[in-house]
N, C-alpha and C. Protein backbone atom coordinates (compact mmCIF):
# COMPACT_ATOMS: atom_id res chain seq x y z
N UNK A 1 -63.29 -98.91 -157.98
CA UNK A 1 -64.58 -98.30 -157.75
C UNK A 1 -65.67 -99.30 -158.10
N UNK A 2 -66.69 -99.33 -157.27
CA UNK A 2 -67.81 -100.26 -157.50
C UNK A 2 -69.09 -99.47 -157.78
N UNK A 3 -69.68 -99.74 -158.94
CA UNK A 3 -70.93 -99.08 -159.35
C UNK A 3 -72.03 -100.12 -159.46
N UNK A 4 -73.17 -99.78 -158.93
CA UNK A 4 -74.37 -100.61 -159.03
C UNK A 4 -75.31 -99.97 -160.05
N UNK A 5 -75.73 -100.76 -161.03
CA UNK A 5 -76.71 -100.30 -162.02
C UNK A 5 -78.02 -101.00 -161.73
N UNK A 6 -79.04 -100.22 -161.42
CA UNK A 6 -80.37 -100.76 -161.09
C UNK A 6 -81.33 -100.41 -162.20
N UNK A 7 -82.03 -101.41 -162.69
CA UNK A 7 -83.08 -101.21 -163.69
C UNK A 7 -84.41 -101.68 -163.12
N UNK A 8 -85.42 -100.85 -163.29
CA UNK A 8 -86.73 -101.12 -162.75
C UNK A 8 -87.63 -101.89 -163.70
N UNK A 9 -88.94 -101.76 -163.49
CA UNK A 9 -89.92 -102.59 -164.18
C UNK A 9 -89.90 -102.45 -165.70
N UNK A 10 -90.07 -103.58 -166.33
CA UNK A 10 -90.22 -103.73 -167.78
C UNK A 10 -88.93 -103.52 -168.58
N UNK A 11 -87.85 -103.13 -167.93
CA UNK A 11 -86.61 -102.96 -168.68
C UNK A 11 -86.06 -104.30 -169.15
N UNK A 12 -86.44 -105.36 -168.48
CA UNK A 12 -86.06 -106.70 -168.95
C UNK A 12 -86.74 -107.05 -170.27
N UNK A 13 -87.71 -106.24 -170.69
CA UNK A 13 -88.44 -106.46 -171.95
C UNK A 13 -87.93 -105.55 -173.08
N UNK A 14 -86.75 -104.96 -172.89
CA UNK A 14 -86.15 -104.19 -173.98
C UNK A 14 -86.00 -105.10 -175.19
N UNK A 15 -86.22 -104.55 -176.36
CA UNK A 15 -86.15 -105.33 -177.59
C UNK A 15 -87.47 -106.00 -177.93
N UNK A 16 -88.38 -106.02 -176.97
CA UNK A 16 -89.71 -106.62 -177.15
C UNK A 16 -90.77 -105.52 -177.14
N UNK A 17 -90.69 -104.64 -176.15
CA UNK A 17 -91.71 -103.61 -175.96
C UNK A 17 -91.37 -102.31 -176.67
N UNK A 18 -92.36 -101.67 -177.20
CA UNK A 18 -92.28 -100.31 -177.74
C UNK A 18 -90.96 -100.02 -178.45
N UNK A 19 -90.70 -100.78 -179.50
CA UNK A 19 -89.43 -100.64 -180.23
C UNK A 19 -89.24 -99.25 -180.82
N UNK A 20 -90.32 -98.58 -181.14
CA UNK A 20 -90.22 -97.22 -181.68
C UNK A 20 -89.63 -96.25 -180.65
N UNK A 21 -89.80 -96.57 -179.39
CA UNK A 21 -89.28 -95.71 -178.31
C UNK A 21 -87.93 -96.22 -177.81
N UNK A 22 -87.83 -97.53 -177.58
CA UNK A 22 -86.66 -98.10 -176.92
C UNK A 22 -85.68 -98.81 -177.86
N UNK A 23 -86.06 -98.97 -179.12
CA UNK A 23 -85.19 -99.65 -180.07
C UNK A 23 -85.37 -101.16 -180.03
N UNK A 24 -84.56 -101.85 -180.83
CA UNK A 24 -84.74 -103.31 -180.91
C UNK A 24 -83.63 -104.09 -180.20
N UNK A 25 -82.71 -103.38 -179.55
CA UNK A 25 -81.69 -104.09 -178.77
C UNK A 25 -82.31 -104.60 -177.47
N UNK A 26 -81.93 -105.79 -177.07
CA UNK A 26 -82.54 -106.40 -175.89
C UNK A 26 -81.77 -106.06 -174.61
N UNK A 27 -82.33 -106.51 -173.50
CA UNK A 27 -81.76 -106.22 -172.19
C UNK A 27 -80.35 -106.78 -172.06
N UNK A 28 -80.14 -107.98 -172.58
CA UNK A 28 -78.81 -108.59 -172.50
C UNK A 28 -77.76 -107.74 -173.22
N UNK A 29 -78.14 -107.10 -174.33
CA UNK A 29 -77.17 -106.25 -175.03
C UNK A 29 -76.87 -104.99 -174.21
N UNK A 30 -77.84 -104.49 -173.46
CA UNK A 30 -77.58 -103.37 -172.56
C UNK A 30 -76.58 -103.77 -171.49
N UNK A 31 -76.81 -104.92 -170.88
CA UNK A 31 -75.92 -105.39 -169.81
C UNK A 31 -74.51 -105.61 -170.36
N UNK A 32 -74.40 -106.18 -171.54
CA UNK A 32 -73.08 -106.41 -172.15
C UNK A 32 -72.38 -105.08 -172.38
N UNK A 33 -73.09 -104.08 -172.91
CA UNK A 33 -72.51 -102.76 -173.13
C UNK A 33 -71.98 -102.18 -171.82
N UNK A 34 -72.79 -102.24 -170.78
CA UNK A 34 -72.40 -101.70 -169.47
C UNK A 34 -71.16 -102.41 -168.94
N UNK A 35 -71.17 -103.73 -168.99
CA UNK A 35 -70.03 -104.50 -168.45
C UNK A 35 -68.76 -104.29 -169.27
N UNK A 36 -68.89 -104.23 -170.60
CA UNK A 36 -67.72 -103.99 -171.45
C UNK A 36 -67.12 -102.61 -171.16
N UNK A 37 -67.97 -101.60 -171.02
CA UNK A 37 -67.48 -100.25 -170.74
C UNK A 37 -66.86 -100.17 -169.34
N UNK A 38 -67.43 -100.91 -168.40
CA UNK A 38 -66.87 -100.92 -167.04
C UNK A 38 -65.44 -101.46 -167.06
N UNK A 39 -65.20 -102.50 -167.84
CA UNK A 39 -63.84 -103.05 -167.97
C UNK A 39 -62.91 -101.98 -168.54
N UNK A 40 -63.34 -101.30 -169.60
CA UNK A 40 -62.54 -100.23 -170.20
C UNK A 40 -62.23 -99.12 -169.21
N UNK A 41 -63.21 -98.81 -168.35
CA UNK A 41 -63.06 -97.73 -167.38
C UNK A 41 -62.33 -98.17 -166.11
N UNK A 42 -62.10 -99.48 -165.97
CA UNK A 42 -61.47 -99.99 -164.76
C UNK A 42 -62.38 -99.93 -163.55
N UNK A 43 -63.65 -100.15 -163.80
CA UNK A 43 -64.68 -100.05 -162.76
C UNK A 43 -65.33 -101.42 -162.58
N UNK A 44 -65.61 -101.77 -161.34
CA UNK A 44 -66.40 -102.97 -161.05
C UNK A 44 -67.87 -102.57 -161.15
N UNK A 45 -68.66 -103.36 -161.85
CA UNK A 45 -70.08 -103.02 -162.01
C UNK A 45 -70.94 -104.25 -161.71
N UNK A 46 -72.05 -104.00 -161.06
CA UNK A 46 -73.07 -105.03 -160.84
C UNK A 46 -74.36 -104.49 -161.43
N UNK A 47 -75.06 -105.34 -162.17
CA UNK A 47 -76.35 -104.95 -162.74
C UNK A 47 -77.46 -105.72 -162.03
N UNK A 48 -78.51 -105.01 -161.71
CA UNK A 48 -79.65 -105.59 -161.00
C UNK A 48 -80.92 -105.09 -161.67
N UNK A 49 -81.87 -105.98 -161.91
CA UNK A 49 -83.16 -105.60 -162.48
C UNK A 49 -84.27 -106.28 -161.71
N UNK A 50 -85.32 -105.51 -161.43
CA UNK A 50 -86.49 -106.09 -160.81
C UNK A 50 -87.73 -105.33 -161.24
N UNK A 51 -88.82 -106.07 -161.34
CA UNK A 51 -90.13 -105.48 -161.60
C UNK A 51 -90.86 -105.17 -160.30
N UNK A 52 -90.18 -105.38 -159.16
CA UNK A 52 -90.81 -105.26 -157.85
C UNK A 52 -90.18 -104.11 -157.06
N UNK A 53 -91.02 -103.19 -156.65
CA UNK A 53 -90.57 -102.01 -155.93
C UNK A 53 -89.77 -102.37 -154.68
N UNK A 54 -90.27 -103.29 -153.89
CA UNK A 54 -89.59 -103.68 -152.65
C UNK A 54 -88.21 -104.26 -152.89
N UNK A 55 -88.05 -105.04 -153.95
CA UNK A 55 -86.74 -105.62 -154.28
C UNK A 55 -85.75 -104.51 -154.65
N UNK A 56 -86.22 -103.49 -155.35
CA UNK A 56 -85.36 -102.36 -155.71
C UNK A 56 -84.94 -101.61 -154.44
N UNK A 57 -85.87 -101.39 -153.55
CA UNK A 57 -85.56 -100.71 -152.29
C UNK A 57 -84.56 -101.54 -151.48
N UNK A 58 -84.79 -102.84 -151.40
CA UNK A 58 -83.85 -103.71 -150.67
C UNK A 58 -82.45 -103.61 -151.25
N UNK A 59 -82.34 -103.60 -152.58
CA UNK A 59 -81.02 -103.56 -153.22
C UNK A 59 -80.34 -102.21 -152.99
N UNK A 60 -81.10 -101.13 -153.01
CA UNK A 60 -80.53 -99.81 -152.70
C UNK A 60 -79.99 -99.81 -151.28
N UNK A 61 -80.75 -100.33 -150.34
CA UNK A 61 -80.29 -100.36 -148.95
C UNK A 61 -79.06 -101.25 -148.77
N UNK A 62 -79.03 -102.39 -149.47
CA UNK A 62 -77.86 -103.28 -149.40
C UNK A 62 -76.61 -102.57 -149.90
N UNK A 63 -76.78 -101.70 -150.89
CA UNK A 63 -75.64 -100.98 -151.46
C UNK A 63 -74.90 -100.15 -150.41
N UNK A 64 -75.62 -99.70 -149.43
CA UNK A 64 -75.02 -98.90 -148.35
C UNK A 64 -73.96 -99.70 -147.61
N UNK A 65 -74.15 -101.02 -147.53
CA UNK A 65 -73.28 -101.87 -146.72
C UNK A 65 -72.27 -102.68 -147.53
N UNK A 66 -72.42 -102.77 -148.86
CA UNK A 66 -71.61 -103.73 -149.62
C UNK A 66 -70.45 -103.12 -150.39
N UNK A 67 -70.11 -101.88 -150.10
CA UNK A 67 -68.97 -101.25 -150.76
C UNK A 67 -69.30 -100.53 -152.05
N UNK A 68 -70.58 -100.45 -152.40
CA UNK A 68 -70.98 -99.70 -153.59
C UNK A 68 -70.61 -98.23 -153.41
N UNK A 69 -69.97 -97.66 -154.44
CA UNK A 69 -69.54 -96.26 -154.36
C UNK A 69 -70.37 -95.33 -155.22
N UNK A 70 -71.18 -95.89 -156.12
CA UNK A 70 -72.04 -95.08 -156.97
C UNK A 70 -73.17 -95.93 -157.51
N UNK A 71 -74.32 -95.30 -157.72
CA UNK A 71 -75.50 -96.00 -158.24
C UNK A 71 -75.99 -95.29 -159.49
N UNK A 72 -76.21 -96.08 -160.53
CA UNK A 72 -76.92 -95.63 -161.73
C UNK A 72 -78.28 -96.31 -161.65
N UNK A 73 -79.35 -95.54 -161.69
CA UNK A 73 -80.68 -96.15 -161.57
C UNK A 73 -81.60 -95.66 -162.67
N UNK A 74 -82.28 -96.63 -163.29
CA UNK A 74 -83.39 -96.34 -164.18
C UNK A 74 -84.61 -96.95 -163.49
N UNK A 75 -85.34 -96.14 -162.73
CA UNK A 75 -86.48 -96.68 -161.99
C UNK A 75 -87.67 -97.04 -162.87
N UNK A 76 -87.58 -96.77 -164.18
CA UNK A 76 -88.71 -97.03 -165.05
C UNK A 76 -89.91 -96.22 -164.59
N UNK A 77 -91.08 -96.81 -164.68
CA UNK A 77 -92.31 -96.11 -164.30
C UNK A 77 -92.33 -95.70 -162.83
N UNK A 78 -91.56 -96.38 -161.99
CA UNK A 78 -91.51 -95.99 -160.58
C UNK A 78 -90.98 -94.57 -160.40
N UNK A 79 -90.26 -94.06 -161.40
CA UNK A 79 -89.75 -92.68 -161.33
C UNK A 79 -90.85 -91.68 -161.06
N UNK A 80 -92.04 -91.98 -161.55
CA UNK A 80 -93.11 -91.00 -161.56
C UNK A 80 -94.02 -91.06 -160.34
N UNK A 81 -93.83 -92.09 -159.50
CA UNK A 81 -94.73 -92.14 -158.34
C UNK A 81 -94.18 -92.86 -157.12
N UNK A 82 -92.97 -93.37 -157.15
CA UNK A 82 -92.48 -94.13 -155.99
C UNK A 82 -91.70 -93.26 -155.01
N UNK A 83 -92.43 -92.74 -154.06
CA UNK A 83 -91.78 -92.01 -152.98
C UNK A 83 -90.99 -92.96 -152.09
N UNK A 84 -91.33 -94.24 -152.11
CA UNK A 84 -90.58 -95.23 -151.35
C UNK A 84 -89.17 -95.41 -151.94
N UNK A 85 -89.06 -95.46 -153.26
CA UNK A 85 -87.73 -95.54 -153.88
C UNK A 85 -86.98 -94.23 -153.67
N UNK A 86 -87.67 -93.10 -153.76
CA UNK A 86 -87.03 -91.82 -153.46
C UNK A 86 -86.45 -91.85 -152.05
N UNK A 87 -87.23 -92.29 -151.08
CA UNK A 87 -86.76 -92.34 -149.69
C UNK A 87 -85.53 -93.24 -149.56
N UNK A 88 -85.55 -94.38 -150.23
CA UNK A 88 -84.40 -95.30 -150.17
C UNK A 88 -83.17 -94.64 -150.78
N UNK A 89 -83.33 -94.04 -151.95
CA UNK A 89 -82.21 -93.35 -152.60
C UNK A 89 -81.68 -92.22 -151.72
N UNK A 90 -82.58 -91.48 -151.15
CA UNK A 90 -82.20 -90.34 -150.32
C UNK A 90 -81.51 -90.75 -149.04
N UNK A 91 -81.78 -91.95 -148.57
CA UNK A 91 -81.23 -92.38 -147.28
C UNK A 91 -79.82 -92.94 -147.36
N UNK A 92 -79.38 -93.35 -148.55
CA UNK A 92 -78.02 -93.89 -148.67
C UNK A 92 -77.07 -92.78 -149.12
N UNK A 93 -75.96 -92.67 -148.46
CA UNK A 93 -75.01 -91.60 -148.76
C UNK A 93 -74.03 -92.06 -149.83
N UNK A 94 -74.58 -92.35 -150.99
CA UNK A 94 -73.84 -92.82 -152.15
C UNK A 94 -74.26 -91.93 -153.32
N UNK A 95 -73.32 -91.45 -154.13
CA UNK A 95 -73.72 -90.67 -155.31
C UNK A 95 -74.59 -91.50 -156.25
N UNK A 96 -75.66 -90.88 -156.76
CA UNK A 96 -76.62 -91.57 -157.61
C UNK A 96 -76.94 -90.72 -158.83
N UNK A 97 -77.12 -91.39 -159.97
CA UNK A 97 -77.55 -90.71 -161.19
C UNK A 97 -78.72 -91.50 -161.77
N UNK A 98 -79.79 -90.77 -162.10
CA UNK A 98 -80.96 -91.39 -162.70
C UNK A 98 -80.82 -91.34 -164.22
N UNK A 99 -81.17 -92.45 -164.86
CA UNK A 99 -81.07 -92.57 -166.31
C UNK A 99 -82.42 -93.00 -166.88
N UNK A 100 -82.75 -92.44 -168.04
CA UNK A 100 -83.91 -92.87 -168.81
C UNK A 100 -83.47 -93.03 -170.26
N UNK A 101 -83.79 -94.15 -170.85
CA UNK A 101 -83.41 -94.43 -172.23
C UNK A 101 -84.06 -93.43 -173.17
N UNK A 102 -85.34 -93.17 -172.96
CA UNK A 102 -86.07 -92.21 -173.79
C UNK A 102 -86.05 -90.84 -173.14
N UNK A 103 -86.47 -89.85 -173.88
CA UNK A 103 -86.61 -88.50 -173.32
C UNK A 103 -87.99 -88.41 -172.68
N UNK A 104 -88.04 -88.63 -171.38
CA UNK A 104 -89.33 -88.68 -170.69
C UNK A 104 -90.08 -87.35 -170.78
N UNK A 105 -89.37 -86.25 -170.99
CA UNK A 105 -90.02 -84.94 -171.10
C UNK A 105 -90.81 -84.78 -172.39
N UNK A 106 -90.55 -85.64 -173.37
CA UNK A 106 -91.26 -85.52 -174.64
C UNK A 106 -92.31 -86.62 -174.81
N UNK A 107 -92.57 -87.35 -173.74
CA UNK A 107 -93.55 -88.44 -173.81
C UNK A 107 -94.83 -88.06 -173.08
N UNK A 108 -95.59 -89.04 -172.63
CA UNK A 108 -96.85 -88.79 -171.93
C UNK A 108 -96.63 -87.79 -170.80
N UNK A 109 -97.63 -86.97 -170.57
CA UNK A 109 -97.49 -85.92 -169.56
C UNK A 109 -97.13 -86.48 -168.18
N UNK A 110 -97.69 -87.63 -167.81
CA UNK A 110 -97.40 -88.18 -166.48
C UNK A 110 -95.93 -88.55 -166.32
N UNK A 111 -95.20 -88.71 -167.43
CA UNK A 111 -93.78 -89.07 -167.37
C UNK A 111 -92.86 -87.84 -167.22
N UNK A 112 -93.40 -86.66 -167.33
CA UNK A 112 -92.57 -85.46 -167.31
C UNK A 112 -91.91 -85.21 -165.96
N UNK A 113 -92.53 -85.63 -164.89
CA UNK A 113 -91.99 -85.40 -163.55
C UNK A 113 -91.46 -86.71 -162.97
N UNK A 114 -90.26 -86.65 -162.44
CA UNK A 114 -89.69 -87.79 -161.74
C UNK A 114 -89.61 -87.44 -160.26
N UNK A 115 -90.28 -88.22 -159.44
CA UNK A 115 -90.22 -87.98 -157.99
C UNK A 115 -88.94 -88.54 -157.38
N UNK A 116 -88.25 -89.41 -158.11
CA UNK A 116 -87.01 -89.99 -157.61
C UNK A 116 -85.79 -89.13 -157.93
N UNK A 117 -85.89 -88.29 -158.96
CA UNK A 117 -84.76 -87.48 -159.42
C UNK A 117 -84.13 -86.59 -158.35
N UNK A 118 -84.92 -85.95 -157.46
CA UNK A 118 -84.29 -85.08 -156.47
C UNK A 118 -83.32 -85.80 -155.52
N UNK A 119 -83.38 -87.11 -155.46
CA UNK A 119 -82.45 -87.87 -154.61
C UNK A 119 -81.15 -88.19 -155.36
N UNK A 120 -81.05 -87.74 -156.61
CA UNK A 120 -79.89 -88.04 -157.46
C UNK A 120 -79.13 -86.77 -157.81
N UNK A 121 -77.87 -86.95 -158.19
CA UNK A 121 -77.03 -85.82 -158.59
C UNK A 121 -77.51 -85.18 -159.88
N UNK A 122 -78.00 -86.03 -160.80
CA UNK A 122 -78.44 -85.55 -162.10
C UNK A 122 -79.33 -86.59 -162.74
N UNK A 123 -80.02 -86.18 -163.81
CA UNK A 123 -80.84 -87.08 -164.61
C UNK A 123 -80.32 -87.02 -166.04
N UNK A 124 -80.10 -88.19 -166.61
CA UNK A 124 -79.69 -88.30 -168.01
C UNK A 124 -80.84 -88.97 -168.74
N UNK A 125 -81.36 -88.31 -169.78
CA UNK A 125 -82.52 -88.85 -170.48
C UNK A 125 -82.36 -88.68 -171.98
N UNK A 126 -82.92 -89.63 -172.70
CA UNK A 126 -82.97 -89.52 -174.14
C UNK A 126 -81.68 -89.87 -174.87
N UNK A 127 -80.73 -90.49 -174.19
CA UNK A 127 -79.48 -90.88 -174.83
C UNK A 127 -79.43 -92.36 -175.18
N UNK A 128 -80.56 -93.03 -175.05
CA UNK A 128 -80.58 -94.46 -175.32
C UNK A 128 -79.69 -95.20 -174.34
N UNK A 129 -79.12 -96.32 -174.79
CA UNK A 129 -78.24 -97.11 -173.93
C UNK A 129 -77.01 -96.32 -173.51
N UNK A 130 -76.58 -95.37 -174.35
CA UNK A 130 -75.39 -94.58 -174.03
C UNK A 130 -75.56 -93.74 -172.77
N UNK A 131 -76.79 -93.50 -172.37
CA UNK A 131 -77.04 -92.75 -171.14
C UNK A 131 -76.44 -93.44 -169.92
N UNK A 132 -76.43 -94.76 -169.94
CA UNK A 132 -75.83 -95.52 -168.83
C UNK A 132 -74.33 -95.29 -168.78
N UNK A 133 -73.69 -95.28 -169.95
CA UNK A 133 -72.25 -95.06 -170.02
C UNK A 133 -71.92 -93.63 -169.58
N UNK A 134 -72.74 -92.68 -170.02
CA UNK A 134 -72.59 -91.29 -169.60
C UNK A 134 -72.68 -91.20 -168.08
N UNK A 135 -73.67 -91.87 -167.50
CA UNK A 135 -73.85 -91.84 -166.04
C UNK A 135 -72.65 -92.44 -165.31
N UNK A 136 -72.13 -93.56 -165.82
CA UNK A 136 -70.96 -94.18 -165.20
C UNK A 136 -69.76 -93.23 -165.23
N UNK A 137 -69.58 -92.57 -166.37
CA UNK A 137 -68.46 -91.61 -166.50
C UNK A 137 -68.62 -90.45 -165.53
N UNK A 138 -69.85 -89.95 -165.38
CA UNK A 138 -70.10 -88.86 -164.44
C UNK A 138 -69.82 -89.29 -163.01
N UNK A 139 -70.23 -90.52 -162.66
CA UNK A 139 -69.95 -91.02 -161.32
C UNK A 139 -68.45 -91.13 -161.08
N UNK A 140 -67.72 -91.59 -162.08
CA UNK A 140 -66.26 -91.70 -161.94
C UNK A 140 -65.64 -90.32 -161.66
N UNK A 141 -66.18 -89.27 -162.25
CA UNK A 141 -65.68 -87.91 -162.00
C UNK A 141 -66.00 -87.46 -160.57
N UNK A 142 -67.17 -87.86 -160.09
CA UNK A 142 -67.64 -87.37 -158.79
C UNK A 142 -67.03 -88.12 -157.60
N UNK A 143 -66.63 -89.37 -157.85
CA UNK A 143 -66.16 -90.21 -156.74
C UNK A 143 -64.65 -90.08 -156.58
């Protein structure tokens, strides 16, 4: 099974930005956790991060053709206003799960609604880095 993990804007700054919300572990430690768990689960995983909406859309569309069987996506702030990413997610017939490190429902009001979530099977929020592992496990059940 091949899973694509997509991280949106500013996630490359984990460990630097807003440590009270995101903790002090950096992006590389997130990627290591994901890859180590993928090995344990017997899953092939690719991690992709971009601060650019168009690059995220391009990668979602490429997933349709490259054998990707499931997508874990943390669109970051794009969750709250990118109908373009929603359209891309909605157009690929691949199971998708949205992940947020923090509990977006308990943060700024503008973060309470995700416009990308309806294109996904479920949303996992507030589980920290473990939310990615939870999402991968859920995808393994669904695929």
